[in-house]
Amino acid sequence: MSLYVGNLSYDVTREDLERVFAEYGDVKRVSLPTDRETGKPRGFAFVDMAAEAQEDTVIESLDGAEWMGREMRVNKARPRDDARSGAGGGNGGNYRRTGF
């Protein structure tokens, strides 16, 4: 299970996140999505911890904490919704053209 970490500073690095989250357990992976055009972080990340108990501790400790001038949001990441990702929709946005 991954943790969603939101409202991050745009100056944050993967190493910054690894350092902070390592205080609460073993960090398996950090994903810091970047903007395609600028290459800068988009203000959120996903962090995978080694154990679910560690994730719960991180959420209790860091959700709402101020870090790098921003109030972090930390919660369990939700699985991707196929409808939002565009997979399997079939009719390009779920609207129906009734006439021309």
C-alpha atoms as a PDB file:
ATOM      1  CA  MET A   1       0.000   0.000   0.000  1.00  0.00           C
ATOM      2  CA  SER A   2       1.205   3.495  -0.802  1.00  0.00           C
ATOM      3  CA  LEU A   3       0.825   6.719   1.094  1.00  0.00           C
ATOM      4  CA  TYR A   4      -0.307   9.865  -0.683  1.00  0.00           C
ATOM      5  CA  VAL A   5       1.593  12.929   0.504  1.00  0.00           C
ATOM      6  CA  GLY A   6       0.041  16.186  -0.627  1.00  0.00           C
ATOM      7  CA  ASN A   7       0.469  19.944  -0.272  1.00  0.00           C
ATOM      8  CA  LEU A   8       4.237  19.640  -0.567  1.00  0.00           C
ATOM      9  CA  SER A   9       6.616  22.476  -1.293  1.00  0.00           C
ATOM     10  CA  TYR A  10       7.619  22.635  -4.944  1.00  0.00           C
ATOM     11  CA  ASP A  11      11.237  22.639  -3.742  1.00  0.00           C
ATOM     12  CA  VAL A  12      10.990  19.185  -2.131  1.00  0.00           C
ATOM     13  CA  THR A  13      13.262  16.411  -3.402  1.00  0.00           C
ATOM     14  CA  ARG A  14      12.989  12.643  -3.294  1.00  0.00           C
ATOM     15  CA  GLU A  15      15.878  12.643  -0.809  1.00  0.00           C
ATOM     16  CA  ASP A  16      14.032  15.090   1.478  1.00  0.00           C
ATOM     17  CA  LEU A  17      11.026  12.766   1.567  1.00  0.00           C
ATOM     18  CA  GLU A  18      13.145   9.654   2.145  1.00  0.00           C
ATOM     19  CA  ARG A  19      14.912  11.345   5.064  1.00  0.00           C
ATOM     20  CA  VAL A  20      11.675  12.441   6.791  1.00  0.00           C
ATOM     21  CA  PHE A  21       9.773   9.193   6.273  1.00  0.00           C
ATOM     22  CA  ALA A  22      12.769   7.035   7.280  1.00  0.00           C
ATOM     23  CA  GLU A  23      12.317   8.378  10.817  1.00  0.00           C
ATOM     24  CA  TYR A  24       9.161   6.220  10.984  1.00  0.00           C
ATOM     25  CA  GLY A  25      10.423   3.008   9.372  1.00  0.00           C
ATOM     26  CA  ASP A  26      11.863   1.482   6.233  1.00  0.00           C
ATOM     27  CA  VAL A  27      11.041   3.413   3.061  1.00  0.00           C
ATOM     28  CA  LYS A  28      10.668   1.056   0.109  1.00  0.00           C
ATOM     29  CA  ARG A  29       9.972   3.630  -2.611  1.00  0.00           C
ATOM     30  CA  VAL A  30       9.334   7.331  -3.154  1.00  0.00           C
ATOM     31  CA  SER A  31       7.608   8.587  -6.279  1.00  0.00           C
ATOM     32  CA  LEU A  32       7.692  12.349  -6.830  1.00  0.00           C
ATOM     33  CA  PRO A  33       5.721  13.167 -10.011  1.00  0.00           C
ATOM     34  CA  THR A  34       7.029  16.115 -11.982  1.00  0.00           C
ATOM     35  CA  ASP A  35       5.448  18.499 -14.453  1.00  0.00           C
ATOM     36  CA  ARG A  36       6.170  17.427 -18.036  1.00  0.00           C
ATOM     37  CA  GLU A  37       6.992  20.925 -19.211  1.00  0.00           C
ATOM     38  CA  THR A  38       8.994  22.351 -16.310  1.00  0.00           C
ATOM     39  CA  GLY A  39      10.376  19.184 -14.718  1.00  0.00           C
ATOM     40  CA  LYS A  40       9.507  20.598 -11.289  1.00  0.00           C
ATOM     41  CA  PRO A  41       7.625  18.577  -8.654  1.00  0.00           C
ATOM     42  CA  ARG A  42       3.832  18.833  -8.817  1.00  0.00           C
ATOM     43  CA  GLY A  43       3.324  19.259  -5.060  1.00  0.00           C
ATOM     44  CA  PHE A  44       2.523  15.681  -4.150  1.00  0.00           C
ATOM     45  CA  ALA A  45       4.255  12.327  -3.801  1.00  0.00           C
ATOM     46  CA  PHE A  46       3.670   8.653  -3.111  1.00  0.00           C
ATOM     47  CA  VAL A  47       5.682   6.857  -0.446  1.00  0.00           C
ATOM     48  CA  ASP A  48       5.749   3.097   0.150  1.00  0.00           C
ATOM     49  CA  MET A  49       6.738   1.900   3.614  1.00  0.00           C
ATOM     50  CA  ALA A  50       7.881  -1.638   4.464  1.00  0.00           C
ATOM     51  CA  ALA A  51       4.962  -2.374   6.814  1.00  0.00           C
ATOM     52  CA  GLU A  52       1.380  -1.192   7.187  1.00  0.00           C
ATOM     53  CA  ALA A  53       1.934  -0.423  10.883  1.00  0.00           C
ATOM     54  CA  GLN A  54       4.663   2.023   9.826  1.00  0.00           C
ATOM     55  CA  GLU A  55       2.227   3.683   7.422  1.00  0.00           C
ATOM     56  CA  ASP A  56      -0.307   4.170  10.218  1.00  0.00           C
ATOM     57  CA  THR A  57       2.370   5.752  12.416  1.00  0.00           C
ATOM     58  CA  VAL A  58       3.424   8.089   9.595  1.00  0.00           C
ATOM     59  CA  ILE A  59      -0.169   9.193   9.005  1.00  0.00           C
ATOM     60  CA  GLU A  60      -0.737   9.876  12.717  1.00  0.00           C
ATOM     61  CA  SER A  61       2.530  11.784  13.006  1.00  0.00           C
ATOM     62  CA  LEU A  62       2.791  13.754   9.772  1.00  0.00           C
ATOM     63  CA  ASP A  63      -0.752  14.448   8.524  1.00  0.00           C
ATOM     64  CA  GLY A  64      -1.248  18.167   9.133  1.00  0.00           C
ATOM     65  CA  ALA A  65       2.367  18.756  10.163  1.00  0.00           C
ATOM     66  CA  GLU A  66       4.084  21.873   8.871  1.00  0.00           C
ATOM     67  CA  TRP A  67       7.125  21.095   6.746  1.00  0.00           C
ATOM     68  CA  MET A  68       9.030  23.384   4.401  1.00  0.00           C
ATOM     69  CA  GLY A  69       6.449  26.119   5.004  1.00  0.00           C
ATOM     70  CA  ARG A  70       3.416  23.993   4.067  1.00  0.00           C
ATOM     71  CA  GLU A  71       0.917  21.842   5.962  1.00  0.00           C
ATOM     72  CA  MET A  72       1.389  18.280   4.667  1.00  0.00           C
ATOM     73  CA  ARG A  73      -1.496  15.950   3.936  1.00  0.00           C
ATOM     74  CA  VAL A  74      -0.667  12.286   4.449  1.00  0.00           C
ATOM     75  CA  ASN A  75      -3.135   9.451   3.934  1.00  0.00           C
ATOM     76  CA  LYS A  76      -3.412   6.034   2.334  1.00  0.00           C
ATOM     77  CA  ALA A  77      -3.335   6.311  -1.433  1.00  0.00           C
ATOM     78  CA  ARG A  78      -6.469   5.175  -3.208  1.00  0.00           C
ATOM     79  CA  PRO A  79      -6.162   2.770  -6.132  1.00  0.00           C
ATOM     80  CA  ARG A  80      -6.377   4.376  -9.538  1.00  0.00           C
ATOM     81  CA  ASP A  81      -9.916   4.658 -10.824  1.00  0.00           C
ATOM     82  CA  ASP A  82     -10.104   3.306 -14.393  1.00  0.00           C
ATOM     83  CA  ALA A  83     -12.794   5.836 -15.324  1.00  0.00           C
ATOM     84  CA  ARG A  84     -10.480   8.718 -14.404  1.00  0.00           C
ATOM     85  CA  SER A  85      -7.466   7.260 -16.161  1.00  0.00           C
ATOM     86  CA  GLY A  86      -9.379   6.887 -19.434  1.00  0.00           C
ATOM     87  CA  ALA A  87      -9.162   3.106 -19.587  1.00  0.00           C
ATOM     88  CA  GLY A  88     -12.238   1.181 -20.594  1.00  0.00           C
ATOM     89  CA  GLY A  89     -14.485   4.241 -21.052  1.00  0.00           C
ATOM     90  CA  GLY A  90     -15.101   3.511 -24.694  1.00  0.00           C
ATOM     91  CA  ASN A  91     -17.050   6.632 -25.580  1.00  0.00           C
ATOM     92  CA  GLY A  92     -14.514   9.338 -24.861  1.00  0.00           C
ATOM     93  CA  GLY A  93     -15.882  11.109 -21.824  1.00  0.00           C
ATOM     94  CA  ASN A  94     -19.222   9.403 -21.281  1.00  0.00           C
ATOM     95  CA  TYR A  95     -21.311  11.822 -23.288  1.00  0.00           C
ATOM     96  CA  ARG A  96     -23.553  10.939 -26.142  1.00  0.00           C
ATOM     97  CA  ARG A  97     -23.870  12.952 -29.305  1.00  0.00           C
ATOM     98  CA  THR A  98     -27.539  12.961 -30.301  1.00  0.00           C
ATOM     99  CA  GLY A  99     -27.408  14.770 -33.596  1.00  0.00           C
ATOM    100  CA  PHE A 100     -25.486  16.983 -35.957  1.00  0.00           C
END
